[in-house]
Amino acid sequence: MIKVSESAKTKIAQLMAEEGFNIAVDYVRVGVKSGGCSGLSYELKFDHSLGENDKLFEEEHVKIAVDKKSFLYLVGTTLEFSGGLNGKGFVFNNPNANRTCGCGESFSL
């Protein structure tokens, strides 16, 4: 399960509308790839369709698509948004991460 905070939902809805996506039918694709200063980094983008190996979650009326490989790294993660002058933007609070980099965009297990 991947959770979405209220602040992240609000920002996702705004960004999806700006980029021509519809929060009611389109997906937020969350993934993990090799790279970053801690070994693995997060991916976040919008998508119109699901892949055959995707897991689908719905949280706060946001449809989240995650490929099966990434899901193993993201179980229990909460996607949050921190705005304002010192805000970091989207933040992944991942209970599986043993170490994260200073910017919070990469992690290791």
PDB file of N, CA and C in Angstrom:
ATOM      1  N   MET A   1       0.831  -1.177   0.000  1.00  0.00           N
ATOM      2  CA  MET A   1       0.000   0.000   0.000  1.00  0.00           C
ATOM      3  C   MET A   1       0.880   1.246   0.000  1.00  0.00           C
ATOM      4  N   ILE A   2       0.509   2.200  -0.792  1.00  0.00           N
ATOM      5  CA  ILE A   2       1.177   3.496  -0.825  1.00  0.00           C
ATOM      6  C   ILE A   2       0.131   4.542  -0.478  1.00  0.00           C
ATOM      7  N   LYS A   3       0.463   5.411   0.456  1.00  0.00           N
ATOM      8  CA  LYS A   3      -0.483   6.416   0.921  1.00  0.00           C
ATOM      9  C   LYS A   3      -0.132   7.779   0.349  1.00  0.00           C
ATOM     10  N   VAL A   4      -1.141   8.647   0.268  1.00  0.00           N
ATOM     11  CA  VAL A   4      -0.970  10.005  -0.244  1.00  0.00           C
ATOM     12  C   VAL A   4      -1.556  10.966   0.785  1.00  0.00           C
ATOM     13  N   SER A   5      -0.760  11.924   1.235  1.00  0.00           N
ATOM     14  CA  SER A   5      -1.254  12.903   2.197  1.00  0.00           C
ATOM     15  C   SER A   5      -2.198  13.879   1.498  1.00  0.00           C
ATOM     16  N   GLU A   6      -2.956  14.595   2.276  1.00  0.00           N
ATOM     17  CA  GLU A   6      -3.892  15.587   1.729  1.00  0.00           C
ATOM     18  C   GLU A   6      -3.146  16.673   0.960  1.00  0.00           C
ATOM     19  N   SER A   7      -2.001  17.118   1.500  1.00  0.00           N
ATOM     20  CA  SER A   7      -1.237  18.170   0.813  1.00  0.00           C
ATOM     21  C   SER A   7      -0.703  17.665  -0.529  1.00  0.00           C
ATOM     22  N   ALA A   8      -0.273  16.403  -0.590  1.00  0.00           N
ATOM     23  CA  ALA A   8       0.207  15.832  -1.851  1.00  0.00           C
ATOM     24  C   ALA A   8      -0.941  15.689  -2.842  1.00  0.00           C
ATOM     25  N   LYS A   9      -2.100  15.264  -2.365  1.00  0.00           N
ATOM     26  CA  LYS A   9      -3.269  15.116  -3.245  1.00  0.00           C
ATOM     27  C   LYS A   9      -3.626  16.456  -3.890  1.00  0.00           C
ATOM     28  N   THR A  10      -3.638  17.502  -3.101  1.00  0.00           N
ATOM     29  CA  THR A  10      -3.977  18.830  -3.613  1.00  0.00           C
ATOM     30  C   THR A  10      -2.989  19.255  -4.697  1.00  0.00           C
ATOM     31  N   LYS A  11      -1.704  19.058  -4.447  1.00  0.00           N
ATOM     32  CA  LYS A  11      -0.683  19.457  -5.423  1.00  0.00           C
ATOM     33  C   LYS A  11      -0.740  18.574  -6.667  1.00  0.00           C
ATOM     34  N   ILE A  12      -0.972  17.275  -6.487  1.00  0.00           N
ATOM     35  CA  ILE A  12      -1.097  16.364  -7.628  1.00  0.00           C
ATOM     36  C   ILE A  12      -2.255  16.782  -8.518  1.00  0.00           C
ATOM     37  N   ALA A  13      -3.402  17.086  -7.913  1.00  0.00           N
ATOM     38  CA  ALA A  13      -4.567  17.506  -8.693  1.00  0.00           C
ATOM     39  C   ALA A  13      -4.257  18.767  -9.490  1.00  0.00           C
ATOM     40  N   GLN A  14      -3.581  19.723  -8.877  1.00  0.00           N
ATOM     41  CA  GLN A  14      -3.213  20.968  -9.553  1.00  0.00           C
ATOM     42  C   GLN A  14      -2.277  20.701 -10.728  1.00  0.00           C
ATOM     43  N   LEU A  15      -1.226  19.912 -10.493  1.00  0.00           N
ATOM     44  CA  LEU A  15      -0.243  19.633 -11.542  1.00  0.00           C
ATOM     45  C   LEU A  15      -0.834  18.802 -12.672  1.00  0.00           C
ATOM     46  N   MET A  16      -1.681  17.840 -12.331  1.00  0.00           N
ATOM     47  CA  MET A  16      -2.317  17.020 -13.374  1.00  0.00           C
ATOM     48  C   MET A  16      -3.161  17.900 -14.290  1.00  0.00           C
ATOM     49  N   ALA A  17      -3.939  18.801 -13.704  1.00  0.00           N
ATOM     50  CA  ALA A  17      -4.773  19.697 -14.504  1.00  0.00           C
ATOM     51  C   ALA A  17      -3.916  20.586 -15.402  1.00  0.00           C
ATOM     52  N   GLU A  18      -2.822  21.102 -14.866  1.00  0.00           N
ATOM     53  CA  GLU A  18      -1.927  21.964 -15.645  1.00  0.00           C
ATOM     54  C   GLU A  18      -1.296  21.222 -16.820  1.00  0.00           C
ATOM     55  N   GLU A  19      -1.061  19.912 -16.657  1.00  0.00           N
ATOM     56  CA  GLU A  19      -0.389  19.136 -17.692  1.00  0.00           C
ATOM     57  C   GLU A  19      -1.354  18.343 -18.573  1.00  0.00           C
ATOM     58  N   GLY A  20      -2.661  18.598 -18.431  1.00  0.00           N
ATOM     59  CA  GLY A  20      -3.638  17.959 -19.306  1.00  0.00           C
ATOM     60  C   GLY A  20      -4.068  16.566 -18.884  1.00  0.00           C
ATOM     61  N   PHE A  21      -3.847  16.218 -17.630  1.00  0.00           N
ATOM     62  CA  PHE A  21      -4.282  14.932 -17.104  1.00  0.00           C
ATOM     63  C   PHE A  21      -5.526  15.144 -16.258  1.00  0.00           C
ATOM     64  N   ASN A  22      -6.305  14.085 -16.065  1.00  0.00           N
ATOM     65  CA  ASN A  22      -7.536  14.150 -15.301  1.00  0.00           C
ATOM     66  C   ASN A  22      -7.384  13.230 -14.087  1.00  0.00           C
ATOM     67  N   ILE A  23      -7.449  13.792 -12.891  1.00  0.00           N
ATOM     68  CA  ILE A  23      -7.241  13.008 -11.673  1.00  0.00           C
ATOM     69  C   ILE A  23      -8.276  11.903 -11.517  1.00  0.00           C
ATOM     70  N   ALA A  24      -9.435  12.053 -12.153  1.00  0.00           N
ATOM     71  CA  ALA A  24     -10.488  11.046 -12.032  1.00  0.00           C
ATOM     72  C   ALA A  24     -10.195   9.785 -12.847  1.00  0.00           C
ATOM     73  N   VAL A  25      -9.400   9.906 -13.923  1.00  0.00           N
ATOM     74  CA  VAL A  25      -9.168   8.743 -14.797  1.00  0.00           C
ATOM     75  C   VAL A  25      -7.700   8.412 -15.041  1.00  0.00           C
ATOM     76  N   ASP A  26      -6.807   9.370 -14.836  1.00  0.00           N
ATOM     77  CA  ASP A  26      -5.389   9.141 -15.100  1.00  0.00           C
ATOM     78  C   ASP A  26      -4.659   8.733 -13.816  1.00  0.00           C
ATOM     79  N   TYR A  27      -3.378   8.403 -13.951  1.00  0.00           N
ATOM     80  CA  TYR A  27      -2.606   7.796 -12.873  1.00  0.00           C
ATOM     81  C   TYR A  27      -1.374   8.619 -12.515  1.00  0.00           C
ATOM     82  N   VAL A  28      -0.992   8.499 -11.255  1.00  0.00           N
ATOM     83  CA  VAL A  28       0.311   8.971 -10.812  1.00  0.00           C
ATOM     84  C   VAL A  28       1.193   7.732 -10.781  1.00  0.00           C
ATOM     85  N   ARG A  29       2.245   7.738 -11.563  1.00  0.00           N
ATOM     86  CA  ARG A  29       3.148   6.592 -11.615  1.00  0.00           C
ATOM     87  C   ARG A  29       4.310   6.852 -10.657  1.00  0.00           C
ATOM     88  N   VAL A  30       4.470   5.945  -9.695  1.00  0.00           N
ATOM     89  CA  VAL A  30       5.527   6.039  -8.700  1.00  0.00           C
ATOM     90  C   VAL A  30       6.458   4.861  -8.921  1.00  0.00           C
ATOM     91  N   GLY A  31       7.757   5.120  -8.941  1.00  0.00           N
ATOM     92  CA  GLY A  31       8.704   4.040  -9.183  1.00  0.00           C
ATOM     93  C   GLY A  31      10.036   4.275  -8.517  1.00  0.00           C
ATOM     94  N   VAL A  32      10.890   3.280  -8.664  1.00  0.00           N
ATOM     95  CA  VAL A  32      12.246   3.321  -8.122  1.00  0.00           C
ATOM     96  C   VAL A  32      13.194   2.931  -9.248  1.00  0.00           C
ATOM     97  N   LYS A  33      14.309   3.639  -9.363  1.00  0.00           N
ATOM     98  CA  LYS A  33      15.327   3.292 -10.358  1.00  0.00           C
ATOM     99  C   LYS A  33      16.705   3.368  -9.707  1.00  0.00           C
ATOM    100  N   SER A  34      17.658   2.732 -10.328  1.00  0.00           N
ATOM    101  CA  SER A  34      19.035   2.797  -9.842  1.00  0.00           C
ATOM    102  C   SER A  34      19.574   4.193 -10.065  1.00  0.00           C
ATOM    103  N   GLY A  35      20.324   4.682  -9.073  1.00  0.00           N
ATOM    104  CA  GLY A  35      20.930   5.998  -9.218  1.00  0.00           C
ATOM    105  C   GLY A  35      20.768   6.822  -7.953  1.00  0.00           C
ATOM    106  N   GLY A  36      21.248   8.030  -7.998  1.00  0.00           N
ATOM    107  CA  GLY A  36      21.204   8.897  -6.835  1.00  0.00           C
ATOM    108  C   GLY A  36      22.385   8.618  -5.917  1.00  0.00           C
ATOM    109  N   CYS A  37      22.598   9.486  -4.986  1.00  0.00           N
ATOM    110  CA  CYS A  37      23.778   9.357  -4.124  1.00  0.00           C
ATOM    111  C   CYS A  37      23.650   8.235  -3.091  1.00  0.00           C
ATOM    112  N   SER A  38      22.446   7.692  -2.901  1.00  0.00           N
ATOM    113  CA  SER A  38      22.284   6.588  -1.951  1.00  0.00           C
ATOM    114  C   SER A  38      22.045   5.242  -2.632  1.00  0.00           C
ATOM    115  N   GLY A  39      22.020   5.216  -3.961  1.00  0.00           N
ATOM    116  CA  GLY A  39      21.901   3.953  -4.687  1.00  0.00           C
ATOM    117  C   GLY A  39      20.608   3.758  -5.442  1.00  0.00           C
ATOM    118  N   LEU A  40      19.483   4.205  -4.874  1.00  0.00           N
ATOM    119  CA  LEU A  40      18.191   4.106  -5.535  1.00  0.00           C
ATOM    120  C   LEU A  40      17.528   5.476  -5.484  1.00  0.00           C
ATOM    121  N   SER A  41      16.766   5.816  -6.522  1.00  0.00           N
ATOM    122  CA  SER A  41      16.071   7.100  -6.503  1.00  0.00           C
ATOM    123  C   SER A  41      14.613   6.911  -6.886  1.00  0.00           C
ATOM    124  N   TYR A  42      13.798   7.836  -6.446  1.00  0.00           N
ATOM    125  CA  TYR A  42      12.359   7.790  -6.694  1.00  0.00           C
ATOM    126  C   TYR A  42      12.034   8.414  -8.047  1.00  0.00           C
ATOM    127  N   GLU A  43      10.979   7.889  -8.672  1.00  0.00           N
ATOM    128  CA  GLU A  43      10.437   8.464  -9.898  1.00  0.00           C
ATOM    129  C   GLU A  43       8.979   8.805  -9.648  1.00  0.00           C
ATOM    130  N   LEU A  44       8.539   9.911 -10.200  1.00  0.00           N
ATOM    131  CA  LEU A  44       7.160  10.352 -10.044  1.00  0.00           C
ATOM    132  C   LEU A  44       6.749  11.036 -11.336  1.00  0.00           C
ATOM    133  N   LYS A  45       5.698  10.512 -11.991  1.00  0.00           N
ATOM    134  CA  LYS A  45       5.207  11.121 -13.218  1.00  0.00           C
ATOM    135  C   LYS A  45       3.742  10.761 -13.403  1.00  0.00           C
ATOM    136  N   PHE A  46       3.107  11.392 -14.376  1.00  0.00           N
ATOM    137  CA  PHE A  46       1.707  11.111 -14.680  1.00  0.00           C
ATOM    138  C   PHE A  46       1.625  10.188 -15.879  1.00  0.00           C
ATOM    139  N   ASP A  47       0.540   9.403 -15.934  1.00  0.00           N
ATOM    140  CA  ASP A  47       0.384   8.424 -17.010  1.00  0.00           C
ATOM    141  C   ASP A  47      -1.099   8.260 -17.334  1.00  0.00           C
ATOM    142  N   HIS A  48      -1.389   7.995 -18.615  1.00  0.00           N
ATOM    143  CA  HIS A  48      -2.768   7.766 -19.053  1.00  0.00           C
ATOM    144  C   HIS A  48      -3.168   6.300 -18.964  1.00  0.00           C
ATOM    145  N   SER A  49      -2.198   5.392 -18.845  1.00  0.00           N
ATOM    146  CA  SER A  49      -2.548   3.972 -18.892  1.00  0.00           C
ATOM    147  C   SER A  49      -1.730   3.157 -17.897  1.00  0.00           C
ATOM    148  N   LEU A  50      -2.237   1.959 -17.625  1.00  0.00           N
ATOM    149  CA  LEU A  50      -1.557   1.011 -16.750  1.00  0.00           C
ATOM    150  C   LEU A  50      -0.789   0.006 -17.584  1.00  0.00           C
ATOM    151  N   GLY A  51       0.326  -0.462 -17.067  1.00  0.00           N
ATOM    152  CA  GLY A  51       1.058  -1.550 -17.691  1.00  0.00           C
ATOM    153  C   GLY A  51       0.561  -2.874 -17.138  1.00  0.00           C
ATOM    154  N   GLU A  52       0.859  -3.960 -17.835  1.00  0.00           N
ATOM    155  CA  GLU A  52       0.355  -5.260 -17.389  1.00  0.00           C
ATOM    156  C   GLU A  52       0.974  -5.718 -16.076  1.00  0.00           C
ATOM    157  N   ASN A  53       2.136  -5.186 -15.709  1.00  0.00           N
ATOM    158  CA  ASN A  53       2.790  -5.559 -14.456  1.00  0.00           C
ATOM    159  C   ASN A  53       2.610  -4.522 -13.347  1.00  0.00           C
ATOM    160  N   ASP A  54       1.657  -3.616 -13.517  1.00  0.00           N
ATOM    161  CA  ASP A  54       1.436  -2.568 -12.525  1.00  0.00           C
ATOM    162  C   ASP A  54       0.501  -3.026 -11.417  1.00  0.00           C
ATOM    163  N   LYS A  55       0.767  -2.527 -10.234  1.00  0.00           N
ATOM    164  CA  LYS A  55      -0.171  -2.637  -9.121  1.00  0.00           C
ATOM    165  C   LYS A  55      -0.864  -1.284  -9.033  1.00  0.00           C
ATOM    166  N   LEU A  56      -2.144  -1.296  -8.721  1.00  0.00           N
ATOM    167  CA  LEU A  56      -2.928  -0.066  -8.657  1.00  0.00           C
ATOM    168  C   LEU A  56      -3.441   0.148  -7.246  1.00  0.00           C
ATOM    169  N   PHE A  57      -3.269   1.369  -6.737  1.00  0.00           N
ATOM    170  CA  PHE A  57      -3.776   1.772  -5.433  1.00  0.00           C
ATOM    171  C   PHE A  57      -4.560   3.055  -5.615  1.00  0.00           C
ATOM    172  N   GLU A  58      -5.542   3.255  -4.770  1.00  0.00           N
ATOM    173  CA  GLU A  58      -6.246   4.536  -4.780  1.00  0.00           C
ATOM    174  C   GLU A  58      -6.271   5.065  -3.360  1.00  0.00           C
ATOM    175  N   GLU A  59      -5.755   6.268  -3.199  1.00  0.00           N
ATOM    176  CA  GLU A  59      -5.651   6.899  -1.887  1.00  0.00           C
ATOM    177  C   GLU A  59      -5.992   8.369  -2.057  1.00  0.00           C
ATOM    178  N   GLU A  60      -6.920   8.871  -1.239  1.00  0.00           N
ATOM    179  CA  GLU A  60      -7.334  10.278  -1.338  1.00  0.00           C
ATOM    180  C   GLU A  60      -7.803  10.615  -2.759  1.00  0.00           C
ATOM    181  N   HIS A  61      -8.463   9.683  -3.420  1.00  0.00           N
ATOM    182  CA  HIS A  61      -8.979   9.843  -4.793  1.00  0.00           C
ATOM    183  C   HIS A  61      -7.876   9.997  -5.831  1.00  0.00           C
ATOM    184  N   VAL A  62      -6.663   9.605  -5.478  1.00  0.00           N
ATOM    185  CA  VAL A  62      -5.541   9.612  -6.412  1.00  0.00           C
ATOM    186  C   VAL A  62      -5.240   8.167  -6.784  1.00  0.00           C
ATOM    187  N   LYS A  63      -5.209   7.881  -8.087  1.00  0.00           N
ATOM    188  CA  LYS A  63      -4.890   6.542  -8.573  1.00  0.00           C
ATOM    189  C   LYS A  63      -3.374   6.434  -8.744  1.00  0.00           C
ATOM    190  N   ILE A  64      -2.774   5.484  -8.026  1.00  0.00           N
ATOM    191  CA  ILE A  64      -1.324   5.328  -8.033  1.00  0.00           C
ATOM    192  C   ILE A  64      -0.964   4.026  -8.731  1.00  0.00           C
ATOM    193  N   ALA A  65      -0.136   4.118  -9.764  1.00  0.00           N
ATOM    194  CA  ALA A  65       0.351   2.944 -10.489  1.00  0.00           C
ATOM    195  C   ALA A  65       1.810   2.711 -10.105  1.00  0.00           C
ATOM    196  N   VAL A  66       2.119   1.453  -9.749  1.00  0.00           N
ATOM    197  CA  VAL A  66       3.480   1.091  -9.356  1.00  0.00           C
ATOM    198  C   VAL A  66       3.830  -0.227 -10.031  1.00  0.00           C
ATOM    199  N   ASP A  67       4.972  -0.288 -10.723  1.00  0.00           N
ATOM    200  CA  ASP A  67       5.387  -1.564 -11.296  1.00  0.00           C
ATOM    201  C   ASP A  67       5.774  -2.509 -10.159  1.00  0.00           C
ATOM    202  N   LYS A  68       5.658  -3.805 -10.413  1.00  0.00           N
ATOM    203  CA  LYS A  68       5.858  -4.805  -9.352  1.00  0.00           C
ATOM    204  C   LYS A  68       7.240  -4.734  -8.715  1.00  0.00           C
ATOM    205  N   LYS A  69       8.269  -4.466  -9.510  1.00  0.00           N
ATOM    206  CA  LYS A  69       9.625  -4.386  -8.963  1.00  0.00           C
ATOM    207  C   LYS A  69       9.751  -3.210  -7.990  1.00  0.00           C
ATOM    208  N   SER A  70       9.257  -2.055  -8.393  1.00  0.00           N
ATOM    209  CA  SER A  70       9.331  -0.871  -7.523  1.00  0.00           C
ATOM    210  C   SER A  70       8.499  -1.052  -6.264  1.00  0.00           C
ATOM    211  N   PHE A  71       7.376  -1.758  -6.400  1.00  0.00           N
ATOM    212  CA  PHE A  71       6.486  -1.946  -5.264  1.00  0.00           C
ATOM    213  C   PHE A  71       7.208  -2.577  -4.075  1.00  0.00           C
ATOM    214  N   LEU A  72       8.127  -3.492  -4.332  1.00  0.00           N
ATOM    215  CA  LEU A  72       8.860  -4.150  -3.254  1.00  0.00           C
ATOM    216  C   LEU A  72       9.636  -3.143  -2.399  1.00  0.00           C
ATOM    217  N   TYR A  73      10.094  -2.055  -3.016  1.00  0.00           N
ATOM    218  CA  TYR A  73      10.846  -1.027  -2.305  1.00  0.00           C
ATOM    219  C   TYR A  73       9.942   0.026  -1.652  1.00  0.00           C
ATOM    220  N   LEU A  74       8.686   0.105  -2.111  1.00  0.00           N
ATOM    221  CA  LEU A  74       7.810   1.207  -1.711  1.00  0.00           C
ATOM    222  C   LEU A  74       6.679   0.828  -0.764  1.00  0.00           C
ATOM    223  N   VAL A  75       6.578  -0.436  -0.381  1.00  0.00           N
ATOM    224  CA  VAL A  75       5.490  -0.871   0.499  1.00  0.00           C
ATOM    225  C   VAL A  75       5.477  -0.016   1.765  1.00  0.00           C
ATOM    226  N   GLY A  76       4.324   0.567   2.080  1.00  0.00           N
ATOM    227  CA  GLY A  76       4.179   1.362   3.294  1.00  0.00           C
ATOM    228  C   GLY A  76       4.594   2.814   3.165  1.00  0.00           C
ATOM    229  N   THR A  77       5.024   3.235   1.979  1.00  0.00           N
ATOM    230  CA  THR A  77       5.486   4.603   1.764  1.00  0.00           C
ATOM    231  C   THR A  77       4.312   5.579   1.750  1.00  0.00           C
ATOM    232  N   THR A  78       4.527   6.765   2.287  1.00  0.00           N
ATOM    233  CA  THR A  78       3.559   7.852   2.212  1.00  0.00           C
ATOM    234  C   THR A  78       4.160   8.967   1.364  1.00  0.00           C
ATOM    235  N   LEU A  79       3.408   9.393   0.351  1.00  0.00           N
ATOM    236  CA  LEU A  79       3.819  10.511  -0.493  1.00  0.00           C
ATOM    237  C   LEU A  79       3.239  11.784   0.114  1.00  0.00           C
ATOM    238  N   GLU A  80       4.108  12.727   0.424  1.00  0.00           N
ATOM    239  CA  GLU A  80       3.681  13.984   1.015  1.00  0.00           C
ATOM    240  C   GLU A  80       4.183  15.143   0.161  1.00  0.00           C
ATOM    241  N   PHE A  81       3.633  16.326   0.415  1.00  0.00           N
ATOM    242  CA  PHE A  81       4.096  17.524  -0.286  1.00  0.00           C
ATOM    243  C   PHE A  81       4.377  18.598   0.743  1.00  0.00           C
ATOM    244  N   SER A  82       5.562  19.194   0.637  1.00  0.00           N
ATOM    245  CA  SER A  82       5.974  20.257   1.537  1.00  0.00           C
ATOM    246  C   SER A  82       6.221  21.509   0.702  1.00  0.00           C
ATOM    247  N   GLY A  83       5.351  22.483   0.827  1.00  0.00           N
ATOM    248  CA  GLY A  83       5.473  23.717   0.041  1.00  0.00           C
ATOM    249  C   GLY A  83       6.080  24.836   0.872  1.00  0.00           C
ATOM    250  N   GLY A  84       5.959  26.055   0.376  1.00  0.00           N
ATOM    251  CA  GLY A  84       6.473  27.213   1.095  1.00  0.00           C
ATOM    252  C   GLY A  84       7.911  27.514   0.736  1.00  0.00           C
ATOM    253  N   LEU A  85       8.476  28.482   1.400  1.00  0.00           N
ATOM    254  CA  LEU A  85       9.833  28.934   1.094  1.00  0.00           C
ATOM    255  C   LEU A  85      10.877  27.859   1.333  1.00  0.00           C
ATOM    256  N   ASN A  86      10.721  27.084   2.387  1.00  0.00           N
ATOM    257  CA  ASN A  86      11.704  26.051   2.704  1.00  0.00           C
ATOM    258  C   ASN A  86      11.215  24.657   2.348  1.00  0.00           C
ATOM    259  N   GLY A  87      10.117  24.578   1.613  1.00  0.00           N
ATOM    260  CA  GLY A  87       9.546  23.287   1.257  1.00  0.00           C
ATOM    261  C   GLY A  87      10.419  22.526   0.282  1.00  0.00           C
ATOM    262  N   LYS A  88      10.313  21.209   0.326  1.00  0.00           N
ATOM    263  CA  LYS A  88      11.111  20.347  -0.538  1.00  0.00           C
ATOM    264  C   LYS A  88      10.321  19.863  -1.748  1.00  0.00           C
ATOM    265  N   GLY A  89       9.035  20.172  -1.833  1.00  0.00           N
ATOM    266  CA  GLY A  89       8.204  19.617  -2.892  1.00  0.00           C
ATOM    267  C   GLY A  89       7.673  18.266  -2.439  1.00  0.00           C
ATOM    268  N   PHE A  90       7.632  17.299  -3.351  1.00  0.00           N
ATOM    269  CA  PHE A  90       7.141  15.968  -2.996  1.00  0.00           C
ATOM    270  C   PHE A  90       8.201  15.228  -2.180  1.00  0.00           C
ATOM    271  N   VAL A  91       7.733  14.577  -1.120  1.00  0.00           N
ATOM    272  CA  VAL A  91       8.613  13.856  -0.197  1.00  0.00           C
ATOM    273  C   VAL A  91       8.080  12.437  -0.042  1.00  0.00           C
ATOM    274  N   PHE A  92       8.962  11.458  -0.163  1.00  0.00           N
ATOM    275  CA  PHE A  92       8.614  10.055   0.045  1.00  0.00           C
ATOM    276  C   PHE A  92       9.031   9.666   1.457  1.00  0.00           C
ATOM    277  N   ASN A  93       8.072   9.366   2.303  1.00  0.00           N
ATOM    278  CA  ASN A  93       8.379   8.852   3.639  1.00  0.00           C
ATOM    279  C   ASN A  93       8.303   7.340   3.552  1.00  0.00           C
ATOM    280  N   ASN A  94       9.485   6.738   3.379  1.00  0.00           N
ATOM    281  CA  ASN A  94       9.591   5.311   3.107  1.00  0.00           C
ATOM    282  C   ASN A  94      10.145   4.587   4.337  1.00  0.00           C
ATOM    283  N   PRO A  95       9.302   3.762   4.991  1.00  0.00           N
ATOM    284  CA  PRO A  95       9.774   3.051   6.182  1.00  0.00           C
ATOM    285  C   PRO A  95      10.809   1.968   5.883  1.00  0.00           C
ATOM    286  N   ASN A  96      10.965   1.605   4.615  1.00  0.00           N
ATOM    287  CA  ASN A  96      11.927   0.576   4.220  1.00  0.00           C
ATOM    288  C   ASN A  96      13.330   1.117   4.017  1.00  0.00           C
ATOM    289  N   ALA A  97      13.461   2.430   3.904  1.00  0.00           N
ATOM    290  CA  ALA A  97      14.761   3.040   3.620  1.00  0.00           C
ATOM    291  C   ALA A  97      15.626   3.057   4.882  1.00  0.00           C
ATOM    292  N   ASN A  98      16.818   2.474   4.793  1.00  0.00           N
ATOM    293  CA  ASN A  98      17.767   2.511   5.907  1.00  0.00           C
ATOM    294  C   ASN A  98      18.573   3.800   5.912  1.00  0.00           C
ATOM    295  N   ARG A  99      18.757   4.362   4.727  1.00  0.00           N
ATOM    296  CA  ARG A  99      19.575   5.557   4.581  1.00  0.00           C
ATOM    297  C   ARG A  99      18.999   6.398   3.450  1.00  0.00           C
ATOM    298  N   THR A 100      18.950   7.700   3.632  1.00  0.00           N
ATOM    299  CA  THR A 100      18.511   8.601   2.571  1.00  0.00           C
ATOM    300  C   THR A 100      19.564   9.689   2.403  1.00  0.00           C
ATOM    301  N   CYS A 101      19.547  10.314   1.244  1.00  0.00           N
ATOM    302  CA  CYS A 101      20.488  11.422   1.022  1.00  0.00           C
ATOM    303  C   CYS A 101      19.891  12.693   1.639  1.00  0.00           C
ATOM    304  N   GLY A 102      20.645  13.737   1.648  1.00  0.00           N
ATOM    305  CA  GLY A 102      20.200  14.996   2.251  1.00  0.00           C
ATOM    306  C   GLY A 102      18.990  15.602   1.583  1.00  0.00           C
ATOM    307  N   CYS A 103      18.872  15.426   0.276  1.00  0.00           N
ATOM    308  CA  CYS A 103      17.737  16.005  -0.434  1.00  0.00           C
ATOM    309  C   CYS A 103      16.493  15.129  -0.350  1.00  0.00           C
ATOM    310  N   GLY A 104      16.641  13.883   0.065  1.00  0.00           N
ATOM    311  CA  GLY A 104      15.508  12.979   0.202  1.00  0.00           C
ATOM    312  C   GLY A 104      15.044  12.321  -1.098  1.00  0.00           C
ATOM    313  N   GLU A 105      15.795  12.517  -2.174  1.00  0.00           N
ATOM    314  CA  GLU A 105      15.391  11.960  -3.465  1.00  0.00           C
ATOM    315  C   GLU A 105      15.977  10.582  -3.746  1.00  0.00           C
ATOM    316  N   SER A 106      16.918  10.144  -2.932  1.00  0.00           N
ATOM    317  CA  SER A 106      17.445   8.813  -3.117  1.00  0.00           C
ATOM    318  C   SER A 106      17.576   8.119  -1.765  1.00  0.00           C
ATOM    319  N   PHE A 107      17.683   6.786  -1.818  1.00  0.00           N
ATOM    320  CA  PHE A 107      17.700   6.000  -0.589  1.00  0.00           C
ATOM    321  C   PHE A 107      18.394   4.674  -0.835  1.00  0.00           C
ATOM    322  N   SER A 108      18.639   3.946   0.252  1.00  0.00           N
ATOM    323  CA  SER A 108      19.145   2.582   0.160  1.00  0.00           C
ATOM    324  C   SER A 108      18.416   1.739   1.194  1.00  0.00           C
ATOM    325  N   LEU A 109      18.446   0.433   0.983  1.00  0.00           N
ATOM    326  CA  LEU A 109      17.768  -0.486   1.903  1.00  0.00           C
ATOM    327  C   LEU A 109      18.769  -1.182   2.792  1.00  0.00           C
TER     328      LEU A 109
END
